[in-house]
Amino acid sequence: MSMTDQSAVDFEDTEDDGIETMYLTFPIAEETYGVPITMVTEIVGMQQVVSVPDAPNYIKGVINLRGQVIPLMDVRLRFGMAERAYDERTVVIVMQISNSPVGLIVDGVSEVVDIPDDKIGRSNVYSKAGTSGVVSGMGHIGERIAILLDVSVLM
């Protein structure tokens, strides 16, 4: 999916039929990750980023998207991976978390997939003892696996 700074994919008008089991998948390095489509409002190309002082290194700053200030998190850096130069495939997944918009910078987007609950392996082994980890489960998509993220913990 190729996007320019002005293009966007809008998910707010998505029908409600079975949407609770739908996930937007995206690559980070060699792995596939997924977030609930119900939290995604749109996908936009990289924008002009304004740095914010004293923020963690994985918070790249904020963007102004149609008059709305949206903080951006680089998911690679949040996971302790090597930084990668942004290119034409790099996108921002804008999500609504606790009534606030947040943008996740990812290497690209793959597809929206239906992962029923019986195809999700859930376990507390994905987090440190006594903490809620960013991984909510492992979704089975045919022969592939998507690491499903708990976005509220990620933020």
Protein backbone atom coordinates (compact mmCIF):
# COMPACT_ATOMS: atom_id res chain seq x y z
CA MET A 1 0.00 0.00 0.00
CA SER A 2 1.62 3.22 -1.12
CA MET A 3 0.59 6.42 0.61
CA THR A 4 1.56 10.04 0.28
CA ASP A 5 1.43 12.62 3.06
CA GLN A 6 -2.07 13.64 1.99
CA SER A 7 -3.61 10.20 1.54
CA ALA A 8 -5.37 8.34 4.31
CA VAL A 9 -7.42 5.24 4.87
CA ASP A 10 -10.48 5.96 7.00
CA PHE A 11 -11.86 3.21 9.26
CA GLU A 12 -14.54 5.17 11.11
CA ASP A 13 -17.31 4.10 8.72
CA THR A 14 -16.53 0.36 8.95
CA GLU A 15 -19.63 -1.82 9.40
CA ASP A 16 -20.08 -3.40 12.83
CA ASP A 17 -20.61 -6.98 11.54
CA GLY A 18 -17.98 -9.14 13.28
CA ILE A 19 -15.59 -6.22 13.66
CA GLU A 20 -14.63 -7.21 17.23
CA THR A 21 -12.49 -10.07 15.85
CA MET A 22 -10.81 -7.97 13.13
CA TYR A 23 -7.17 -6.88 13.45
CA LEU A 24 -5.02 -4.54 11.40
CA THR A 25 -1.71 -6.31 10.83
CA PHE A 26 1.61 -4.66 10.13
CA PRO A 27 5.28 -5.68 9.90
CA ILE A 28 8.00 -4.57 12.29
CA ALA A 29 11.33 -6.05 11.26
CA GLU A 30 10.64 -9.73 10.49
CA GLU A 31 7.52 -10.13 12.64
CA THR A 32 3.82 -9.48 12.05
CA TYR A 33 1.90 -7.54 14.69
CA GLY A 34 -1.78 -6.76 15.02
CA VAL A 35 -4.01 -4.23 16.74
CA PRO A 36 -7.81 -4.32 17.09
CA ILE A 37 -9.38 -2.57 14.11
CA THR A 38 -12.02 -1.13 16.45
CA MET A 39 -9.33 1.20 17.87
CA VAL A 40 -7.98 2.35 14.48
CA THR A 41 -9.39 5.59 13.10
CA GLU A 42 -7.14 6.01 10.06
CA ILE A 43 -3.77 5.33 8.47
CA VAL A 44 -1.72 8.22 7.12
CA GLY A 45 1.67 8.65 5.54
CA MET A 46 4.50 10.19 7.56
CA GLN A 47 3.96 13.84 8.39
CA GLN A 48 6.13 16.72 9.58
CA VAL A 49 7.00 15.73 13.18
CA VAL A 50 7.49 18.33 15.91
CA SER A 51 9.87 17.10 18.63
CA VAL A 52 8.80 17.20 22.27
CA PRO A 53 11.49 17.87 24.91
CA ASP A 54 12.09 15.34 27.71
CA ALA A 55 10.01 12.62 26.02
CA PRO A 56 11.23 9.00 25.95
CA ASN A 57 13.27 8.17 22.84
CA TYR A 58 10.41 6.15 21.33
CA ILE A 59 8.08 9.18 21.42
CA LYS A 60 9.12 10.89 18.20
CA GLY A 61 7.02 14.00 18.80
CA VAL A 62 3.64 15.20 17.61
CA ILE A 63 1.93 15.85 14.28
CA ASN A 64 -0.85 18.24 13.37
CA LEU A 65 -3.44 16.19 11.53
CA ARG A 66 -6.29 18.41 10.31
CA GLY A 67 -5.99 20.64 13.39
CA GLN A 68 -5.64 17.77 15.87
CA VAL A 69 -2.33 17.33 17.71
CA ILE A 70 -1.40 13.63 17.79
CA PRO A 71 1.57 12.19 19.73
CA LEU A 72 3.64 9.66 17.77
CA MET A 73 5.27 6.50 19.09
CA ASP A 74 7.86 4.67 17.01
CA VAL A 75 6.94 1.03 17.68
CA ARG A 76 10.42 -0.24 16.71
CA LEU A 77 12.04 1.96 19.36
CA ARG A 78 9.34 1.09 21.92
CA PHE A 79 10.29 -2.57 21.47
CA GLY A 80 14.03 -1.85 21.77
CA MET A 81 14.72 -2.59 18.09
CA ALA A 82 17.18 -0.75 15.89
CA GLU A 83 15.95 2.53 14.48
CA ARG A 84 15.12 2.47 10.77
CA ALA A 85 14.98 5.41 8.39
CA TYR A 86 11.42 6.27 7.41
CA ASP A 87 10.59 5.60 3.76
CA GLU A 88 7.58 5.66 1.42
CA ARG A 89 6.13 2.54 3.10
CA THR A 90 6.36 3.95 6.65
CA VAL A 91 2.92 4.90 7.95
CA VAL A 92 1.22 6.23 11.04
CA ILE A 93 -1.65 4.17 12.42
CA VAL A 94 -3.89 6.67 14.20
CA MET A 95 -5.75 5.05 17.07
CA GLN A 96 -8.22 6.20 19.69
CA ILE A 97 -7.01 5.22 23.17
CA SER A 98 -9.02 6.40 26.20
CA ASN A 99 -10.67 9.08 24.05
CA SER A 100 -7.28 10.47 22.94
CA PRO A 101 -5.70 10.06 19.51
CA VAL A 102 -2.28 8.42 19.34
CA GLY A 103 -0.17 7.59 16.30
CA LEU A 104 1.94 4.43 15.97
CA ILE A 105 4.80 4.68 13.49
CA VAL A 106 5.20 1.29 11.78
CA ASP A 107 7.18 -0.08 8.83
CA GLY A 108 3.99 -0.43 6.73
CA VAL A 109 0.60 -2.09 6.90
CA SER A 110 -0.26 -5.58 5.70
CA GLU A 111 -3.97 -6.38 5.86
CA VAL A 112 -7.07 -6.47 7.99
CA VAL A 113 -7.71 -10.04 9.11
CA ASP A 114 -10.41 -11.83 11.06
CA ILE A 115 -8.92 -13.72 14.01
CA PRO A 116 -11.67 -15.40 16.05
CA ASP A 117 -11.04 -15.82 19.78
CA ASP A 118 -10.52 -19.57 19.34
CA LYS A 119 -7.54 -18.78 17.06
CA ILE A 120 -5.82 -16.58 19.66
CA GLY A 121 -3.40 -18.11 22.13
CA ARG A 122 -3.50 -16.11 25.35
CA SER A 123 -0.94 -16.54 28.08
CA ASN A 124 0.73 -14.52 30.79
CA VAL A 125 4.14 -15.86 29.69
CA TYR A 126 4.38 -12.89 27.29
CA SER A 127 5.04 -10.45 30.14
CA LYS A 128 7.26 -10.04 33.16
CA ALA A 129 5.97 -11.43 36.43
CA GLY A 130 3.43 -9.14 38.04
CA THR A 131 3.03 -6.87 35.00
CA SER A 132 0.59 -6.53 32.15
CA GLY A 133 2.59 -7.05 29.00
CA VAL A 134 2.09 -5.36 25.65
CA VAL A 135 1.30 -8.73 24.05
CA SER A 136 -2.34 -9.71 24.48
CA GLY A 137 -1.97 -12.97 22.55
CA MET A 138 -0.75 -14.81 19.47
CA GLY A 139 -3.21 -14.85 16.59
CA HIS A 140 -3.14 -17.78 14.18
CA ILE A 141 -3.72 -16.71 10.55
CA GLY A 142 -3.47 -19.93 8.56
CA GLU A 143 0.18 -20.99 8.90
CA ARG A 144 1.27 -17.53 10.08
CA ILE A 145 1.24 -15.98 13.54
CA ALA A 146 0.53 -12.35 14.39
CA ILE A 147 1.64 -10.91 17.71
CA LEU A 148 -1.46 -9.12 19.00
CA LEU A 149 -0.77 -5.99 21.01
CA ASP A 150 -2.59 -4.55 24.00
CA VAL A 151 -2.42 -0.93 22.86
CA SER A 152 -3.45 0.53 26.23
CA VAL A 153 -0.40 -1.15 27.83
CA LEU A 154 1.82 -0.21 24.86
CA MET A 155 1.07 3.45 25.52
